[in-house]
C-alpha atoms as a PDB file:
ATOM      1  CA  MET A   1      -7.963 -12.084   1.619  1.00  0.00           C
ATOM      2  CA  ALA A   2      -5.303  -9.412   2.497  1.00  0.00           C
ATOM      3  CA  ASN A   3      -2.685  -8.772  -0.152  1.00  0.00           C
ATOM      4  CA  LEU A   4       0.434  -7.501   1.909  1.00  0.00           C
ATOM      5  CA  LEU A   5       3.729  -6.301   0.358  1.00  0.00           C
ATOM      6  CA  ILE A   6       6.934  -6.110   2.656  1.00  0.00           C
ATOM      7  CA  VAL A   7      10.071  -4.415   1.672  1.00  0.00           C
ATOM      8  CA  ASP A   8      13.299  -4.534   3.531  1.00  0.00           C
ATOM      9  CA  ASP A   9      16.881  -4.785   2.295  1.00  0.00           C
ATOM     10  CA  GLU A  10      17.609  -7.422   5.039  1.00  0.00           C
ATOM     11  CA  PRO A  11      16.266 -11.097   4.144  1.00  0.00           C
ATOM     12  CA  ASN A  12      16.245 -11.998   7.659  1.00  0.00           C
ATOM     13  CA  VAL A  13      13.906  -9.177   8.671  1.00  0.00           C
ATOM     14  CA  LEU A  14      11.630 -10.154   5.667  1.00  0.00           C
ATOM     15  CA  SER A  15      11.585 -13.837   6.701  1.00  0.00           C
ATOM     16  CA  ALA A  16      10.553 -12.747  10.285  1.00  0.00           C
ATOM     17  CA  LEU A  17       7.797 -10.313   9.104  1.00  0.00           C
ATOM     18  CA  ARG A  18       6.434 -13.018   6.754  1.00  0.00           C
ATOM     19  CA  ARG A  19       6.300 -15.761   9.470  1.00  0.00           C
ATOM     20  CA  MET A  20       4.637 -13.070  11.701  1.00  0.00           C
ATOM     21  CA  CYS A  21       2.029 -12.225   9.238  1.00  0.00           C
ATOM     22  CA  MET A  22       1.365 -15.863   8.239  1.00  0.00           C
ATOM     23  CA  ASN A  23       1.086 -17.220  11.810  1.00  0.00           C
ATOM     24  CA  GLN A  24      -2.677 -17.761  12.113  1.00  0.00           C
ATOM     25  CA  ALA A  25      -2.202 -19.498  15.795  1.00  0.00           C
ATOM     26  CA  ALA A  26      -1.032 -16.152  17.270  1.00  0.00           C
ATOM     27  CA  GLU A  27      -3.611 -13.605  18.190  1.00  0.00           C
ATOM     28  CA  PRO A  28      -4.576 -11.256  16.708  1.00  0.00           C
ATOM     29  CA  ALA A  29      -4.357 -13.221  13.343  1.00  0.00           C
ATOM     30  CA  ILE A  30      -4.349 -11.329  10.125  1.00  0.00           C
ATOM     31  CA  PRO A  31      -7.371 -12.566   8.099  1.00  0.00           C
ATOM     32  CA  GLU A  32      -6.272 -14.551   5.131  1.00  0.00           C
ATOM     33  CA  PRO A  33      -2.888 -12.947   4.477  1.00  0.00           C
ATOM     34  CA  HIS A  34      -1.138 -13.267   1.148  1.00  0.00           C
ATOM     35  CA  VAL A  35       2.414 -11.999   1.584  1.00  0.00           C
ATOM     36  CA  MET A  36       4.868 -10.947  -1.064  1.00  0.00           C
ATOM     37  CA  THR A  37       8.343  -9.769   0.067  1.00  0.00           C
ATOM     38  CA  PHE A  38      11.068  -7.817  -1.806  1.00  0.00           C
ATOM     39  CA  THR A  39      14.551  -6.811  -0.868  1.00  0.00           C
ATOM     40  CA  SER A  40      14.609  -4.421  -3.864  1.00  0.00           C
ATOM     41  CA  VAL A  41      12.320  -1.331  -3.824  1.00  0.00           C
ATOM     42  CA  HIS A  42      12.581  -1.359  -7.808  1.00  0.00           C
ATOM     43  CA  ASP A  43      11.223  -4.914  -7.873  1.00  0.00           C
ATOM     44  CA  ALA A  44       8.380  -3.955  -5.331  1.00  0.00           C
ATOM     45  CA  ILE A  45       7.462  -0.993  -7.439  1.00  0.00           C
ATOM     46  CA  ASP A  46       7.097  -3.271 -10.562  1.00  0.00           C
ATOM     47  CA  HIS A  47       4.832  -5.607  -8.401  1.00  0.00           C
ATOM     48  CA  VAL A  48       2.615  -2.790  -7.318  1.00  0.00           C
ATOM     49  CA  ARG A  49       2.299  -1.783 -11.024  1.00  0.00           C
ATOM     50  CA  GLN A  50       1.132  -5.166 -12.009  1.00  0.00           C
ATOM     51  CA  GLN A  51      -0.736  -6.291  -8.824  1.00  0.00           C
ATOM     52  CA  PRO A  52      -3.157  -4.661  -6.574  1.00  0.00           C
ATOM     53  CA  VAL A  53      -1.960  -4.685  -3.125  1.00  0.00           C
ATOM     54  CA  ASP A  54      -3.936  -3.772   0.274  1.00  0.00           C
ATOM     55  CA  LEU A  55      -1.138  -2.915   2.491  1.00  0.00           C
ATOM     56  CA  VAL A  56       2.584  -1.936   2.059  1.00  0.00           C
ATOM     57  CA  ILE A  57       5.292  -2.317   5.015  1.00  0.00           C
ATOM     58  CA  SER A  58       8.523  -0.611   4.158  1.00  0.00           C
ATOM     59  CA  ASP A  59      11.763  -0.227   5.889  1.00  0.00           C
ATOM     60  CA  TYR A  60      12.942   3.305   6.119  1.00  0.00           C
ATOM     61  CA  ARG A  61      16.747   2.993   5.500  1.00  0.00           C
ATOM     62  CA  MET A  62      17.451   0.958   2.312  1.00  0.00           C
ATOM     63  CA  PRO A  63      20.446   1.186  -0.120  1.00  0.00           C
ATOM     64  CA  GLU A  64      18.440   1.878  -3.263  1.00  0.00           C
ATOM     65  CA  MET A  65      15.827   4.359  -1.968  1.00  0.00           C
ATOM     66  CA  ASP A  66      14.628   5.527   1.312  1.00  0.00           C
ATOM     67  CA  GLY A  67      11.188   4.164   2.639  1.00  0.00           C
ATOM     68  CA  ALA A  68       9.437   7.431   2.419  1.00  0.00           C
ATOM     69  CA  THR A  69      10.275   7.925  -1.198  1.00  0.00           C
ATOM     70  CA  PHE A  70       9.288   4.260  -1.985  1.00  0.00           C
ATOM     71  CA  LEU A  71       5.912   4.711  -0.153  1.00  0.00           C
ATOM     72  CA  MET A  72       5.215   8.065  -1.954  1.00  0.00           C
ATOM     73  CA  MET A  73       5.599   6.085  -5.249  1.00  0.00           C
ATOM     74  CA  VAL A  74       3.239   3.312  -3.926  1.00  0.00           C
ATOM     75  CA  LYS A  75       0.740   6.083  -3.049  1.00  0.00           C
ATOM     76  CA  LYS A  76       0.777   7.335  -6.729  1.00  0.00           C
ATOM     77  CA  LEU A  77       0.450   3.848  -8.135  1.00  0.00           C
ATOM     78  CA  ASN A  78      -1.937   2.574  -5.674  1.00  0.00           C
ATOM     79  CA  PRO A  79      -3.514   5.416  -3.490  1.00  0.00           C
ATOM     80  CA  ASP A  80      -5.864   3.021  -1.815  1.00  0.00           C
ATOM     81  CA  ALA A  81      -3.089   0.743  -0.357  1.00  0.00           C
ATOM     82  CA  ALA A  82      -2.424   1.358   3.330  1.00  0.00           C
ATOM     83  CA  ARG A  83       1.231   2.114   4.171  1.00  0.00           C
ATOM     84  CA  ILE A  84       3.296   1.248   7.326  1.00  0.00           C
ATOM     85  CA  MET A  85       6.947   2.299   7.866  1.00  0.00           C
ATOM     86  CA  LEU A  86       9.443   0.350   9.993  1.00  0.00           C
ATOM     87  CA  SER A  87      12.788   1.651  11.135  1.00  0.00           C
ATOM     88  CA  ALA A  88      15.379   1.071  13.735  1.00  0.00           C
ATOM     89  CA  PHE A  89      16.468   4.657  13.379  1.00  0.00           C
ATOM     90  CA  THR A  90      14.596   7.750  14.491  1.00  0.00           C
ATOM     91  CA  ASP A  91      15.136  10.203  11.562  1.00  0.00           C
ATOM     92  CA  LEU A  92      12.498  12.772  12.484  1.00  0.00           C
ATOM     93  CA  GLU A  93      12.724  14.487   9.168  1.00  0.00           C
ATOM     94  CA  GLY A  94      12.261  11.077   7.320  1.00  0.00           C
ATOM     95  CA  ILE A  95       9.276  10.245   9.458  1.00  0.00           C
ATOM     96  CA  VAL A  96       7.549  13.580   8.995  1.00  0.00           C
ATOM     97  CA  ARG A  97       8.055  13.283   5.115  1.00  0.00           C
ATOM     98  CA  ALA A  98       6.553   9.783   5.330  1.00  0.00           C
ATOM     99  CA  ILE A  99       3.497  10.973   7.304  1.00  0.00           C
ATOM    100  CA  ASN A 100       2.953  14.166   5.244  1.00  0.00           C
ATOM    101  CA  ASP A 101       3.908  13.007   1.778  1.00  0.00           C
ATOM    102  CA  ALA A 102       3.563   9.253   1.667  1.00  0.00           C
ATOM    103  CA  GLY A 103       0.378   9.137   3.843  1.00  0.00           C
ATOM    104  CA  ILE A 104       1.630   6.388   6.177  1.00  0.00           C
ATOM    105  CA  VAL A 105      -0.892   5.190   8.630  1.00  0.00           C
ATOM    106  CA  ARG A 106       1.653   4.219  11.243  1.00  0.00           C
ATOM    107  CA  PHE A 107       5.421   4.318  12.047  1.00  0.00           C
ATOM    108  CA  VAL A 108       6.623   1.188  13.912  1.00  0.00           C
ATOM    109  CA  ALA A 109      10.127   1.053  15.636  1.00  0.00           C
ATOM    110  CA  LYS A 110      12.509  -1.921  15.121  1.00  0.00           C
ATOM    111  CA  PRO A 111      12.500  -4.167  17.091  1.00  0.00           C
ATOM    112  CA  TRP A 112       8.788  -4.591  16.855  1.00  0.00           C
ATOM    113  CA  SER A 113       6.269  -6.592  19.141  1.00  0.00           C
ATOM    114  CA  ASP A 114       4.685  -9.223  16.904  1.00  0.00           C
ATOM    115  CA  THR A 115       1.320  -8.744  18.674  1.00  0.00           C
ATOM    116  CA  ASP A 116       1.465  -4.901  18.265  1.00  0.00           C
ATOM    117  CA  LEU A 117       2.527  -5.101  14.703  1.00  0.00           C
ATOM    118  CA  ARG A 118      -0.263  -7.626  13.911  1.00  0.00           C
ATOM    119  CA  SER A 119      -2.808  -5.412  15.566  1.00  0.00           C
ATOM    120  CA  THR A 120      -1.463  -2.286  13.652  1.00  0.00           C
ATOM    121  CA  ILE A 121      -1.739  -4.270  10.498  1.00  0.00           C
ATOM    122  CA  ILE A 122      -5.387  -5.454  10.988  1.00  0.00           C
ATOM    123  CA  GLN A 123      -6.333  -1.805  12.071  1.00  0.00           C
ATOM    124  CA  ALA A 124      -4.799  -0.421   8.765  1.00  0.00           C
ATOM    125  CA  LEU A 125      -6.641  -2.977   6.717  1.00  0.00           C
ATOM    126  CA  GLU A 126      -9.914  -2.248   8.576  1.00  0.00           C
ATOM    127  CA  HIS A 127      -9.442   1.563   8.108  1.00  0.00           C
ATOM    128  CA  ARG A 128      -8.750   0.905   4.314  1.00  0.00           C
ATOM    129  CA  HIS A 129     -11.853  -1.164   4.182  1.00  0.00           C
ATOM    130  CA  LEU A 130     -13.944   1.526   5.677  1.00  0.00           C
ATOM    131  CA  ALA A 131     -12.346   4.283   3.561  1.00  0.00           C
ATOM    132  CA  LEU A 132     -13.184   2.335   0.380  1.00  0.00           C
ATOM    133  CA  GLU A 133     -16.734   1.597   1.590  1.00  0.00           C
ATOM    134  CA  ASN A 134     -17.372   5.304   2.482  1.00  0.00           C
ATOM    135  CA  ARG A 135     -16.112   6.272  -1.086  1.00  0.00           C
ATOM    136  CA  LEU A 136     -18.566   3.847  -2.583  1.00  0.00           C
ATOM    137  CA  LEU A 137     -21.457   5.215  -0.652  1.00  0.00           C
ATOM    138  CA  ALA A 138     -20.397   8.814  -1.387  1.00  0.00           C
ATOM    139  CA  ASP A 139     -20.239   7.804  -5.202  1.00  0.00           C
ATOM    140  CA  LYS A 140     -23.644   6.455  -5.062  1.00  0.00           C
ATOM    141  CA  VAL A 141     -25.055   9.543  -3.406  1.00  0.00           C
ATOM    142  CA  ARG A 142     -23.068  11.800  -6.147  1.00  0.00           C
ATOM    143  CA  LEU A 143     -24.785   9.647  -8.819  1.00  0.00           C
ATOM    144  CA  GLN A 144     -28.260  10.011  -7.408  1.00  0.00           C
ATOM    145  CA  HIS A 145     -27.829  13.851  -7.298  1.00  0.00           C
ATOM    146  CA  GLY A 146     -26.400  13.890 -10.807  1.00  0.00           C
ATOM    147  CA  VAL A 147     -23.004  15.290  -9.639  1.00  0.00           C
ATOM    148  CA  ILE A 148     -21.128  12.227 -11.218  1.00  0.00           C
ATOM    149  CA  SER A 149     -22.052  10.197 -14.386  1.00  0.00           C
ATOM    150  CA  ARG A 150     -22.433   6.454 -14.549  1.00  0.00           C
ATOM    151  CA  GLN A 151     -19.229   6.399 -16.980  1.00  0.00           C
ATOM    152  CA  GLN A 152     -17.073   8.326 -14.360  1.00  0.00           C
ATOM    153  CA  LEU A 153     -18.229   5.958 -11.723  1.00  0.00           C
ATOM    154  CA  GLU A 154     -17.304   2.867 -13.794  1.00  0.00           C
ATOM    155  CA  LEU A 155     -13.889   4.424 -14.703  1.00  0.00           C
ATOM    156  CA  GLU A 156     -13.184   4.834 -10.893  1.00  0.00           C
ATOM    157  CA  ARG A 157     -14.455   1.222 -10.271  1.00  0.00           C
ATOM    158  CA  LEU A 158     -11.978  -0.098 -12.829  1.00  0.00           C
ATOM    159  CA  GLU A 159      -9.108   2.052 -11.582  1.00  0.00           C
ATOM    160  CA  ALA A 160      -9.749   0.642  -8.015  1.00  0.00           C
ATOM    161  CA  GLU A 161      -9.917  -2.759  -9.151  1.00  0.00           C
ATOM    162  CA  THR A 162      -6.838  -2.571 -11.337  1.00  0.00           C
ATOM    163  CA  PRO A 163      -4.840   0.578 -10.613  1.00  0.00           C
ATOM    164  CA  GLY A 164      -3.394   2.271 -13.621  1.00  0.00           C
ATOM    165  CA  ILE A 165      -5.837   0.642 -16.150  1.00  0.00           C
ATOM    166  CA  THR A 166      -7.506   4.017 -16.953  1.00  0.00           C
ATOM    167  CA  ARG A 167      -4.100   5.903 -17.460  1.00  0.00           C
ATOM    168  CA  VAL A 168      -3.151   5.762 -21.108  1.00  0.00           C
ATOM    169  CA  HIS A 169       0.033   7.454 -22.286  1.00  0.00           C
ATOM    170  CA  TRP A 170      -0.120   8.519 -25.919  1.00  0.00           C
ATOM    171  CA  SER A 171       2.689   9.056 -28.334  1.00  0.00           C
ATOM    172  CA  GLU A 172       2.682  12.147 -30.732  1.00  0.00           C
ATOM    173  CA  ASP A 173       1.450  10.053 -33.557  1.00  0.00           C
ATOM    174  CA  GLY A 174      -1.490   8.676 -31.595  1.00  0.00           C
ATOM    175  CA  GLY A 175      -0.019   5.218 -30.484  1.00  0.00           C
ATOM    176  CA  VAL A 176      -0.380   3.984 -27.034  1.00  0.00           C
ATOM    177  CA  LEU A 177       2.901   4.051 -25.001  1.00  0.00           C
ATOM    178  CA  LEU A 178       3.507   1.192 -22.732  1.00  0.00           C
ATOM    179  CA  GLU A 179       5.633   1.565 -19.590  1.00  0.00           C
END
């Protein structure tokens, strides 16, 4: 299953993207898509804090926050999520910031081609899967060579499974602070 998160301030655009992602009759089909959509970046950030996502698609120009800033926040909360940016505007500075700081895998211009966007999503998900698999294999090699401990490996596995679970914020009196 592919957990997709789409953020755009225009509900019509969200509906079109959702239909496009869910359409299993069109080629290439996204494998088992589970799509969550948000018109509010703050609601989307809350979702990323609570649920793991595989891929995030964000519009660039939104009233609450620009897409590059939003995707940088997603990267901090869920660094393994692939990130794609959509925009009808060609703000070169924003695109460069999204690539360099937010680590987007692709910039897609509006209006998009459904076939091209589905292909881009599938490629981003495959790239993410390979990166996670490579990390797992590298961790096994480091474990075999004594570079990493079993405890550290388990912490990394837990963090990948449920982002944020290993990050604890303590108060001055030793209590656990909840966000």
